[in-house]
């Protein structure tokens, strides 16, 4: 039963990815606008800062949660 469900879930994903290979290569808007004007560096920098900020926030929240859990264990 599990293999049937997995196969049914895998089939649409396989067909969706196969249709992308049938497209003809053309001029990509990203290459034309971002790379030619040099703005891609700014986009990459902003994304990197956002990801680093999110990772830092998650680290701080994890430390706070661990401390709260330890305090809760000591109370019980």
Protein backbone atom coordinates (compact mmCIF):
# COMPACT_ATOMS: atom_id res chain seq x y z
CA UNK A 1 0.00 0.00 0.00
CA UNK A 2 2.82 2.40 0.86
CA UNK A 3 4.57 1.81 -2.43
CA UNK A 4 1.39 2.58 -4.36
CA UNK A 5 0.93 5.87 -2.51
CA UNK A 6 4.57 6.82 -3.00
CA UNK A 7 4.37 6.00 -6.69
CA UNK A 8 1.24 8.08 -7.11
CA UNK A 9 2.91 11.01 -5.35
CA UNK A 10 6.11 10.67 -7.35
CA UNK A 11 4.42 10.55 -10.75
CA UNK A 12 3.18 14.19 -10.90
CA UNK A 13 6.56 15.49 -9.77
CA UNK A 14 8.33 13.50 -12.44
CA UNK A 15 5.99 14.69 -15.16
CA UNK A 16 6.24 18.31 -14.02
CA UNK A 17 10.03 18.28 -14.17
CA UNK A 18 10.02 16.56 -17.57
CA UNK A 19 7.94 19.33 -19.11
CA UNK A 20 10.56 21.95 -18.19
CA UNK A 21 13.13 20.24 -20.38
CA UNK A 22 10.91 20.66 -23.42
CA UNK A 23 11.17 24.47 -23.38
CA UNK A 24 13.42 26.19 -25.85
CA UNK A 25 16.23 28.24 -24.38
CA UNK A 26 15.70 31.93 -24.78
CA UNK A 27 17.01 35.18 -23.44
CA UNK A 28 16.41 35.10 -19.73
CA UNK A 29 15.09 38.31 -18.17
CA UNK A 30 17.27 37.77 -15.13
CA UNK A 31 20.42 37.71 -17.19
CA UNK A 32 19.37 40.72 -19.22
CA UNK A 33 18.35 42.95 -16.34
CA UNK A 34 20.24 41.92 -13.22
CA UNK A 35 23.59 40.76 -14.53
CA UNK A 36 24.01 43.45 -17.16
CA UNK A 37 23.29 46.28 -14.70
CA UNK A 38 25.28 44.74 -11.85
CA UNK A 39 22.27 44.59 -9.51
CA UNK A 40 22.61 40.85 -8.96
CA UNK A 41 25.37 41.51 -6.41
CA UNK A 42 22.96 43.64 -4.38
CA UNK A 43 20.29 40.95 -4.52
CA UNK A 44 22.73 38.27 -3.39
CA UNK A 45 23.96 40.49 -0.56
CA UNK A 46 20.43 41.22 0.67
CA UNK A 47 19.48 37.54 0.58
CA UNK A 48 22.68 36.62 2.42
CA UNK A 49 21.98 39.21 5.14
CA UNK A 50 18.41 37.97 5.52
CA UNK A 51 19.49 34.34 5.82
CA UNK A 52 22.26 35.24 8.30
CA UNK A 53 19.80 37.30 10.34
CA UNK A 54 17.28 34.50 10.38
CA UNK A 55 19.93 31.98 11.42
CA UNK A 56 21.12 34.30 14.20
CA UNK A 57 17.59 34.85 15.45
CA UNK A 58 16.94 31.10 15.47
CA UNK A 59 20.17 30.52 17.43
CA UNK A 60 19.22 33.11 20.06
CA UNK A 61 15.69 31.73 20.36
CA UNK A 62 17.06 28.20 20.75
CA UNK A 63 19.31 29.33 23.60
CA UNK A 64 16.38 31.07 25.32
CA UNK A 65 14.17 28.01 24.94
CA UNK A 66 16.85 25.71 26.36
CA UNK A 67 17.26 27.98 29.36
CA UNK A 68 13.51 28.12 29.91
CA UNK A 69 13.27 24.31 29.67
CA UNK A 70 16.07 23.91 32.23
CA UNK A 71 14.34 26.33 34.58
CA UNK A 72 11.07 24.44 34.15
CA UNK A 73 12.79 21.12 34.94
CA UNK A 74 14.33 22.57 38.12
CA UNK A 75 10.93 23.79 39.31
CA UNK A 76 9.39 20.34 38.99
